[in-house]
Amino acid sequence: MKHLQLIEIILYVNDQQASTKFYTKLFRQSPNMSVPGMTEFKLAENCKLGLMPNKGIAKILSNKTPHPEQGSGIPRCELYFYVDDINAEFNNAIKIGAKLISSIEGREWGDKVCYFSDLDGHIIAFATKIKNIYSDNFTNHS
C-alpha cells in the first residue's frame, strides 16, 4: 500500500503519564510529542506509536462502542518488533518491569520471539528471524 504516508498506532491507556514513562524506558528514547491527551514516539521514518488516555478516546467514540476502560488489563493488541539484539531487548524489558508472558523461543513461523505486556495489558513482542519461511514457500519455480 504505497499510498500510505505514515503509520501511527495508538494505544488506549489508563494513565498517560505512567505509560509514557514505561515506553520511554522500553524504547530508550523520549517521546517526540507529549501533551495532555496524546504522547507520540517516532519508531521509524514512517511509523509512530501514540498513547491516548481511555477517557480521551471515549469522548471521540461518544458511546458508539464500549468504553475503553472496560478492556483495561485485557490484551487488546500486539506490538511485534523485529530487533537487532533480542537478548538486549528482553533484558531491558525485564529491567523496566514489563510483565513477562513468554521467554525467548524459536517459533514455528520462523522467528525467535519473546512476549511481554505493558501496564494496560497490551502485548509487546520482540523478534528476530531464524529463517524466512516465506521465501522458502514462495520460491519462483519458472
N, C-alpha and C. Protein backbone atom coordinates (compact mmCIF):
# COMPACT_ATOMS: atom_id res chain seq x y z
N MET A 1 0.84 -1.18 0.00
CA MET A 1 0.00 0.00 0.00
C MET A 1 0.88 1.24 0.00
N LYS A 2 1.40 1.56 -1.14
CA LYS A 2 2.35 2.66 -1.27
C LYS A 2 1.71 4.03 -1.05
N HIS A 3 0.40 4.08 -1.04
CA HIS A 3 -0.26 5.37 -0.85
C HIS A 3 -0.27 5.80 0.62
N LEU A 4 0.10 4.92 1.54
CA LEU A 4 0.17 5.28 2.95
C LEU A 4 1.43 6.11 3.20
N GLN A 5 1.26 7.27 3.76
CA GLN A 5 2.39 8.16 4.01
C GLN A 5 3.02 7.94 5.38
N LEU A 6 2.18 7.64 6.36
CA LEU A 6 2.64 7.49 7.73
C LEU A 6 1.73 6.50 8.43
N ILE A 7 2.30 5.66 9.26
CA ILE A 7 1.53 4.72 10.06
C ILE A 7 1.66 5.16 11.51
N GLU A 8 0.52 5.36 12.17
CA GLU A 8 0.53 5.66 13.60
C GLU A 8 -0.40 4.68 14.29
N ILE A 9 0.15 3.96 15.23
CA ILE A 9 -0.60 3.03 16.05
C ILE A 9 -0.84 3.72 17.38
N ILE A 10 -2.09 3.77 17.80
CA ILE A 10 -2.42 4.46 19.05
C ILE A 10 -2.97 3.45 20.05
N LEU A 11 -2.33 3.39 21.21
CA LEU A 11 -2.79 2.54 22.30
C LEU A 11 -3.62 3.37 23.25
N TYR A 12 -4.74 2.84 23.69
CA TYR A 12 -5.56 3.49 24.70
C TYR A 12 -5.06 3.02 26.06
N VAL A 13 -4.74 3.97 26.93
CA VAL A 13 -4.09 3.67 28.21
C VAL A 13 -4.85 4.29 29.37
N ASN A 14 -4.71 3.66 30.53
CA ASN A 14 -5.35 4.20 31.74
C ASN A 14 -4.66 5.46 32.23
N ASP A 15 -3.34 5.44 32.24
CA ASP A 15 -2.56 6.54 32.81
C ASP A 15 -1.50 6.96 31.79
N GLN A 16 -1.75 8.05 31.10
CA GLN A 16 -0.85 8.51 30.04
C GLN A 16 0.56 8.75 30.57
N GLN A 17 0.66 9.35 31.73
CA GLN A 17 1.97 9.69 32.29
C GLN A 17 2.77 8.42 32.62
N ALA A 18 2.13 7.44 33.27
CA ALA A 18 2.81 6.19 33.62
C ALA A 18 3.20 5.42 32.36
N SER A 19 2.31 5.39 31.38
CA SER A 19 2.61 4.69 30.12
C SER A 19 3.72 5.38 29.36
N THR A 20 3.75 6.71 29.39
CA THR A 20 4.83 7.45 28.75
C THR A 20 6.17 7.08 29.38
N LYS A 21 6.23 7.01 30.70
CA LYS A 21 7.47 6.61 31.38
C LYS A 21 7.87 5.19 30.99
N PHE A 22 6.89 4.28 30.95
CA PHE A 22 7.16 2.88 30.59
C PHE A 22 7.75 2.79 29.18
N TYR A 23 7.09 3.42 28.20
CA TYR A 23 7.57 3.31 26.82
C TYR A 23 8.85 4.11 26.58
N THR A 24 9.08 5.18 27.34
CA THR A 24 10.36 5.89 27.25
C THR A 24 11.49 4.95 27.64
N LYS A 25 11.28 4.18 28.70
CA LYS A 25 12.30 3.22 29.15
C LYS A 25 12.40 2.03 28.18
N LEU A 26 11.25 1.55 27.68
CA LEU A 26 11.25 0.41 26.77
C LEU A 26 11.99 0.74 25.48
N PHE A 27 11.69 1.91 24.89
CA PHE A 27 12.31 2.31 23.63
C PHE A 27 13.66 2.98 23.82
N ARG A 28 13.96 3.35 25.07
CA ARG A 28 15.19 4.08 25.38
C ARG A 28 15.29 5.35 24.55
N GLN A 29 14.16 6.04 24.46
CA GLN A 29 14.11 7.34 23.79
C GLN A 29 12.93 8.13 24.36
N SER A 30 13.07 9.43 24.30
CA SER A 30 11.99 10.31 24.75
C SER A 30 10.93 10.42 23.67
N PRO A 31 9.70 10.72 24.08
CA PRO A 31 8.66 10.90 23.06
C PRO A 31 8.96 12.13 22.20
N ASN A 32 8.47 12.11 20.96
CA ASN A 32 8.61 13.26 20.08
C ASN A 32 7.60 14.34 20.44
N MET A 33 6.49 13.90 21.04
CA MET A 33 5.46 14.84 21.46
C MET A 33 4.77 14.26 22.70
N SER A 34 4.51 15.11 23.66
CA SER A 34 3.75 14.69 24.83
C SER A 34 2.98 15.90 25.35
N VAL A 35 1.68 15.85 25.12
CA VAL A 35 0.78 16.90 25.58
C VAL A 35 -0.39 16.19 26.27
N PRO A 36 -1.14 16.89 27.09
CA PRO A 36 -2.30 16.24 27.71
C PRO A 36 -3.20 15.65 26.62
N GLY A 37 -3.42 14.35 26.70
CA GLY A 37 -4.28 13.68 25.73
C GLY A 37 -3.56 12.89 24.66
N MET A 38 -2.23 13.07 24.49
CA MET A 38 -1.51 12.30 23.46
C MET A 38 -0.01 12.38 23.68
N THR A 39 0.61 11.22 23.60
CA THR A 39 2.06 11.09 23.57
C THR A 39 2.41 10.33 22.30
N GLU A 40 3.47 10.74 21.62
CA GLU A 40 3.89 10.06 20.39
C GLU A 40 5.38 9.75 20.43
N PHE A 41 5.70 8.53 19.99
CA PHE A 41 7.09 8.10 19.81
C PHE A 41 7.30 7.81 18.34
N LYS A 42 8.33 8.40 17.75
CA LYS A 42 8.68 8.08 16.37
C LYS A 42 9.55 6.83 16.41
N LEU A 43 9.02 5.73 15.86
CA LEU A 43 9.72 4.45 15.92
C LEU A 43 10.55 4.18 14.68
N ALA A 44 10.11 4.71 13.55
CA ALA A 44 10.81 4.56 12.28
C ALA A 44 10.43 5.76 11.43
N GLU A 45 11.03 5.88 10.29
CA GLU A 45 10.79 7.05 9.44
C GLU A 45 9.30 7.29 9.17
N ASN A 46 8.54 6.22 9.00
CA ASN A 46 7.12 6.41 8.68
C ASN A 46 6.20 5.69 9.68
N CYS A 47 6.66 5.52 10.92
CA CYS A 47 5.85 4.81 11.92
C CYS A 47 5.98 5.47 13.29
N LYS A 48 4.81 5.77 13.89
CA LYS A 48 4.76 6.34 15.23
C LYS A 48 3.88 5.46 16.12
N LEU A 49 4.17 5.50 17.41
CA LEU A 49 3.30 4.88 18.40
C LEU A 49 2.74 6.00 19.26
N GLY A 50 1.43 6.04 19.38
CA GLY A 50 0.77 7.04 20.20
C GLY A 50 0.17 6.42 21.45
N LEU A 51 0.09 7.20 22.50
CA LEU A 51 -0.55 6.80 23.75
C LEU A 51 -1.65 7.81 24.04
N MET A 52 -2.90 7.34 24.11
CA MET A 52 -4.04 8.22 24.35
C MET A 52 -4.81 7.70 25.56
N PRO A 53 -5.14 8.58 26.50
CA PRO A 53 -5.91 8.13 27.66
C PRO A 53 -7.28 7.58 27.26
N ASN A 54 -7.71 6.54 27.98
CA ASN A 54 -9.03 5.94 27.74
C ASN A 54 -10.13 7.01 27.74
N LYS A 55 -10.05 7.91 28.68
CA LYS A 55 -11.10 8.94 28.79
C LYS A 55 -11.12 9.87 27.58
N GLY A 56 -9.95 10.13 27.00
CA GLY A 56 -9.88 11.00 25.83
C GLY A 56 -10.52 10.37 24.60
N ILE A 57 -10.22 9.10 24.36
CA ILE A 57 -10.80 8.45 23.19
C ILE A 57 -12.28 8.19 23.42
N ALA A 58 -12.69 7.99 24.66
CA ALA A 58 -14.11 7.75 24.96
C ALA A 58 -14.96 8.94 24.51
N LYS A 59 -14.41 10.15 24.64
CA LYS A 59 -15.14 11.34 24.18
C LYS A 59 -15.35 11.31 22.67
N ILE A 60 -14.32 10.87 21.96
CA ILE A 60 -14.40 10.81 20.50
C ILE A 60 -15.38 9.71 20.06
N LEU A 61 -15.33 8.58 20.74
CA LEU A 61 -16.19 7.44 20.39
C LEU A 61 -17.65 7.67 20.75
N SER A 62 -17.88 8.58 21.66
CA SER A 62 -19.22 9.04 22.09
C SER A 62 -20.27 7.92 22.19
N ASN A 63 -19.99 6.93 23.02
CA ASN A 63 -20.93 5.85 23.34
C ASN A 63 -21.32 4.98 22.15
N LYS A 64 -20.57 5.03 21.06
CA LYS A 64 -20.87 4.18 19.91
C LYS A 64 -20.15 2.83 19.99
N THR A 65 -19.25 2.70 20.95
CA THR A 65 -18.55 1.45 21.23
C THR A 65 -18.46 1.32 22.75
N PRO A 66 -18.11 0.14 23.25
CA PRO A 66 -17.90 0.04 24.70
C PRO A 66 -16.79 1.00 25.15
N HIS A 67 -16.89 1.49 26.36
CA HIS A 67 -15.86 2.39 26.90
C HIS A 67 -14.53 1.63 26.97
N PRO A 68 -13.44 2.23 26.51
CA PRO A 68 -12.14 1.56 26.52
C PRO A 68 -11.72 1.05 27.91
N GLU A 69 -12.16 1.69 28.98
CA GLU A 69 -11.79 1.22 30.32
C GLU A 69 -12.34 -0.18 30.59
N GLN A 70 -13.37 -0.60 29.88
CA GLN A 70 -13.91 -1.95 30.07
C GLN A 70 -12.93 -3.02 29.59
N GLY A 71 -11.97 -2.62 28.78
CA GLY A 71 -10.98 -3.57 28.27
C GLY A 71 -9.64 -3.46 28.98
N SER A 72 -9.53 -2.64 30.00
CA SER A 72 -8.25 -2.46 30.68
C SER A 72 -7.75 -3.78 31.26
N GLY A 73 -6.48 -4.06 31.03
CA GLY A 73 -5.86 -5.27 31.52
C GLY A 73 -6.06 -6.46 30.60
N ILE A 74 -6.93 -6.32 29.62
CA ILE A 74 -7.18 -7.39 28.65
C ILE A 74 -6.31 -7.10 27.43
N PRO A 75 -5.56 -8.09 26.94
CA PRO A 75 -4.76 -7.81 25.74
C PRO A 75 -5.66 -7.38 24.58
N ARG A 76 -5.45 -6.15 24.11
CA ARG A 76 -6.27 -5.62 23.03
C ARG A 76 -5.48 -5.45 21.74
N CYS A 77 -4.18 -5.59 21.81
CA CYS A 77 -3.37 -5.52 20.60
C CYS A 77 -2.01 -6.14 20.90
N GLU A 78 -1.25 -6.33 19.85
CA GLU A 78 0.12 -6.81 19.98
C GLU A 78 1.01 -5.93 19.14
N LEU A 79 2.07 -5.44 19.74
CA LEU A 79 3.12 -4.72 19.02
C LEU A 79 4.23 -5.72 18.79
N TYR A 80 4.54 -5.99 17.53
CA TYR A 80 5.53 -7.01 17.17
C TYR A 80 6.71 -6.29 16.53
N PHE A 81 7.82 -6.25 17.25
CA PHE A 81 9.00 -5.52 16.80
C PHE A 81 10.12 -6.48 16.41
N TYR A 82 10.59 -6.39 15.16
CA TYR A 82 11.80 -7.09 14.76
C TYR A 82 12.98 -6.23 15.22
N VAL A 83 13.92 -6.85 15.92
CA VAL A 83 15.03 -6.12 16.53
C VAL A 83 16.37 -6.74 16.15
N ASP A 84 17.43 -5.95 16.31
CA ASP A 84 18.78 -6.43 16.02
C ASP A 84 19.28 -7.38 17.10
N ASP A 85 18.98 -7.07 18.38
CA ASP A 85 19.51 -7.84 19.50
C ASP A 85 18.37 -8.21 20.44
N ILE A 86 17.79 -9.37 20.23
CA ILE A 86 16.63 -9.78 21.02
C ILE A 86 16.98 -9.93 22.51
N ASN A 87 18.20 -10.37 22.80
CA ASN A 87 18.61 -10.52 24.21
C ASN A 87 18.67 -9.18 24.92
N ALA A 88 19.16 -8.16 24.25
CA ALA A 88 19.22 -6.82 24.85
C ALA A 88 17.80 -6.29 25.11
N GLU A 89 16.88 -6.51 24.16
CA GLU A 89 15.50 -6.04 24.35
C GLU A 89 14.81 -6.82 25.46
N PHE A 90 15.05 -8.12 25.52
CA PHE A 90 14.49 -8.95 26.59
C PHE A 90 14.97 -8.44 27.95
N ASN A 91 16.28 -8.25 28.08
CA ASN A 91 16.85 -7.79 29.36
C ASN A 91 16.35 -6.41 29.74
N ASN A 92 16.23 -5.51 28.77
CA ASN A 92 15.71 -4.17 29.05
C ASN A 92 14.26 -4.25 29.53
N ALA A 93 13.43 -5.05 28.87
CA ALA A 93 12.03 -5.17 29.27
C ALA A 93 11.91 -5.72 30.69
N ILE A 94 12.72 -6.71 31.03
CA ILE A 94 12.73 -7.25 32.39
C ILE A 94 13.13 -6.16 33.38
N LYS A 95 14.20 -5.43 33.04
CA LYS A 95 14.74 -4.39 33.92
C LYS A 95 13.71 -3.29 34.22
N ILE A 96 12.89 -2.92 33.23
CA ILE A 96 11.94 -1.82 33.45
C ILE A 96 10.62 -2.30 34.05
N GLY A 97 10.48 -3.61 34.26
CA GLY A 97 9.28 -4.12 34.91
C GLY A 97 8.14 -4.52 34.00
N ALA A 98 8.43 -4.73 32.71
CA ALA A 98 7.39 -5.26 31.82
C ALA A 98 7.03 -6.67 32.30
N LYS A 99 5.78 -7.03 32.19
CA LYS A 99 5.33 -8.35 32.64
C LYS A 99 5.70 -9.40 31.60
N LEU A 100 6.52 -10.36 32.01
CA LEU A 100 6.96 -11.42 31.11
C LEU A 100 5.80 -12.38 30.84
N ILE A 101 5.52 -12.60 29.58
CA ILE A 101 4.49 -13.55 29.15
C ILE A 101 5.14 -14.84 28.67
N SER A 102 6.19 -14.71 27.86
CA SER A 102 6.89 -15.88 27.31
C SER A 102 8.34 -15.50 27.01
N SER A 103 9.26 -16.33 27.49
CA SER A 103 10.69 -16.09 27.25
C SER A 103 11.03 -16.27 25.77
N ILE A 104 12.26 -15.98 25.43
CA ILE A 104 12.72 -16.11 24.05
C ILE A 104 12.64 -17.57 23.62
N GLU A 105 11.92 -17.80 22.54
CA GLU A 105 11.77 -19.16 22.00
C GLU A 105 11.70 -19.10 20.49
N GLY A 106 12.21 -20.15 19.85
CA GLY A 106 12.01 -20.30 18.42
C GLY A 106 10.56 -20.68 18.16
N ARG A 107 9.95 -20.05 17.19
CA ARG A 107 8.53 -20.29 16.88
C ARG A 107 8.42 -20.95 15.52
N GLU A 108 7.34 -21.65 15.30
CA GLU A 108 7.15 -22.43 14.07
C GLU A 108 7.05 -21.57 12.83
N TRP A 109 6.79 -20.28 12.98
CA TRP A 109 6.69 -19.40 11.80
C TRP A 109 8.04 -18.83 11.39
N GLY A 110 9.12 -19.26 12.04
CA GLY A 110 10.46 -18.88 11.61
C GLY A 110 11.08 -17.73 12.37
N ASP A 111 10.48 -17.33 13.49
CA ASP A 111 11.03 -16.25 14.31
C ASP A 111 11.43 -16.78 15.67
N LYS A 112 12.42 -16.11 16.27
CA LYS A 112 12.72 -16.28 17.68
C LYS A 112 12.06 -15.08 18.35
N VAL A 113 11.17 -15.31 19.35
CA VAL A 113 10.33 -14.25 19.90
C VAL A 113 10.20 -14.37 21.42
N CYS A 114 10.08 -13.22 22.08
CA CYS A 114 9.68 -13.17 23.48
C CYS A 114 8.50 -12.22 23.59
N TYR A 115 7.66 -12.45 24.59
CA TYR A 115 6.43 -11.67 24.76
C TYR A 115 6.35 -11.08 26.16
N PHE A 116 5.89 -9.83 26.22
CA PHE A 116 5.67 -9.10 27.47
C PHE A 116 4.31 -8.43 27.38
N SER A 117 3.85 -7.88 28.51
CA SER A 117 2.70 -6.98 28.45
C SER A 117 3.07 -5.67 29.13
N ASP A 118 2.41 -4.60 28.69
CA ASP A 118 2.65 -3.29 29.28
C ASP A 118 1.70 -3.08 30.46
N LEU A 119 1.63 -1.86 30.96
CA LEU A 119 0.83 -1.54 32.13
C LEU A 119 -0.66 -1.76 31.91
N ASP A 120 -1.11 -1.71 30.66
CA ASP A 120 -2.53 -1.85 30.33
C ASP A 120 -2.88 -3.21 29.76
N GLY A 121 -1.92 -4.12 29.68
CA GLY A 121 -2.18 -5.45 29.16
C GLY A 121 -1.93 -5.61 27.68
N HIS A 122 -1.49 -4.53 26.99
CA HIS A 122 -1.14 -4.66 25.58
C HIS A 122 0.09 -5.56 25.47
N ILE A 123 0.12 -6.41 24.47
CA ILE A 123 1.22 -7.36 24.29
C ILE A 123 2.33 -6.73 23.45
N ILE A 124 3.56 -6.95 23.90
CA ILE A 124 4.75 -6.46 23.20
C ILE A 124 5.62 -7.67 22.90
N ALA A 125 5.96 -7.85 21.63
CA ALA A 125 6.82 -8.96 21.23
C ALA A 125 8.09 -8.40 20.61
N PHE A 126 9.21 -9.01 20.97
CA PHE A 126 10.49 -8.70 20.32
C PHE A 126 10.90 -9.96 19.56
N ALA A 127 11.26 -9.77 18.30
CA ALA A 127 11.52 -10.92 17.45
C ALA A 127 12.75 -10.71 16.59
N THR A 128 13.28 -11.82 16.15
CA THR A 128 14.33 -11.85 15.16
C THR A 128 14.05 -13.06 14.26
N LYS A 129 14.41 -12.96 13.01
CA LYS A 129 14.18 -14.05 12.06
C LYS A 129 15.17 -15.18 12.31
N ILE A 130 14.65 -16.39 12.38
CA ILE A 130 15.50 -17.58 12.39
C ILE A 130 15.73 -17.98 10.94
N LYS A 131 14.63 -18.02 10.19
CA LYS A 131 14.70 -18.29 8.75
C LYS A 131 13.49 -17.62 8.11
N ASN A 132 13.59 -17.35 6.85
CA ASN A 132 12.49 -16.73 6.14
C ASN A 132 11.63 -17.82 5.52
N ILE A 133 10.54 -18.18 6.21
CA ILE A 133 9.68 -19.26 5.71
C ILE A 133 8.93 -18.83 4.47
N TYR A 134 8.76 -17.52 4.29
CA TYR A 134 8.02 -17.05 3.11
C TYR A 134 8.83 -17.25 1.84
N SER A 135 10.12 -16.99 1.88
CA SER A 135 10.93 -17.20 0.67
C SER A 135 11.05 -18.69 0.38
N ASP A 136 11.06 -19.54 1.43
CA ASP A 136 11.11 -20.98 1.23
C ASP A 136 9.83 -21.49 0.56
N ASN A 137 8.70 -20.93 0.94
CA ASN A 137 7.40 -21.40 0.43
C ASN A 137 7.00 -20.78 -0.89
N PHE A 138 7.55 -19.63 -1.22
CA PHE A 138 7.11 -18.91 -2.40
C PHE A 138 8.24 -18.70 -3.41
N THR A 139 9.13 -19.65 -3.47
CA THR A 139 10.23 -19.56 -4.43
C THR A 139 9.67 -19.66 -5.84
N ASN A 140 10.18 -18.82 -6.71
CA ASN A 140 9.74 -18.84 -8.11
C ASN A 140 10.33 -20.07 -8.80
N HIS A 141 9.44 -20.96 -9.28
CA HIS A 141 9.88 -22.19 -9.93
C HIS A 141 9.72 -22.12 -11.44
N SER A 142 9.83 -20.94 -12.05
CA SER A 142 9.62 -20.85 -13.50
C SER A 142 10.85 -21.26 -14.26
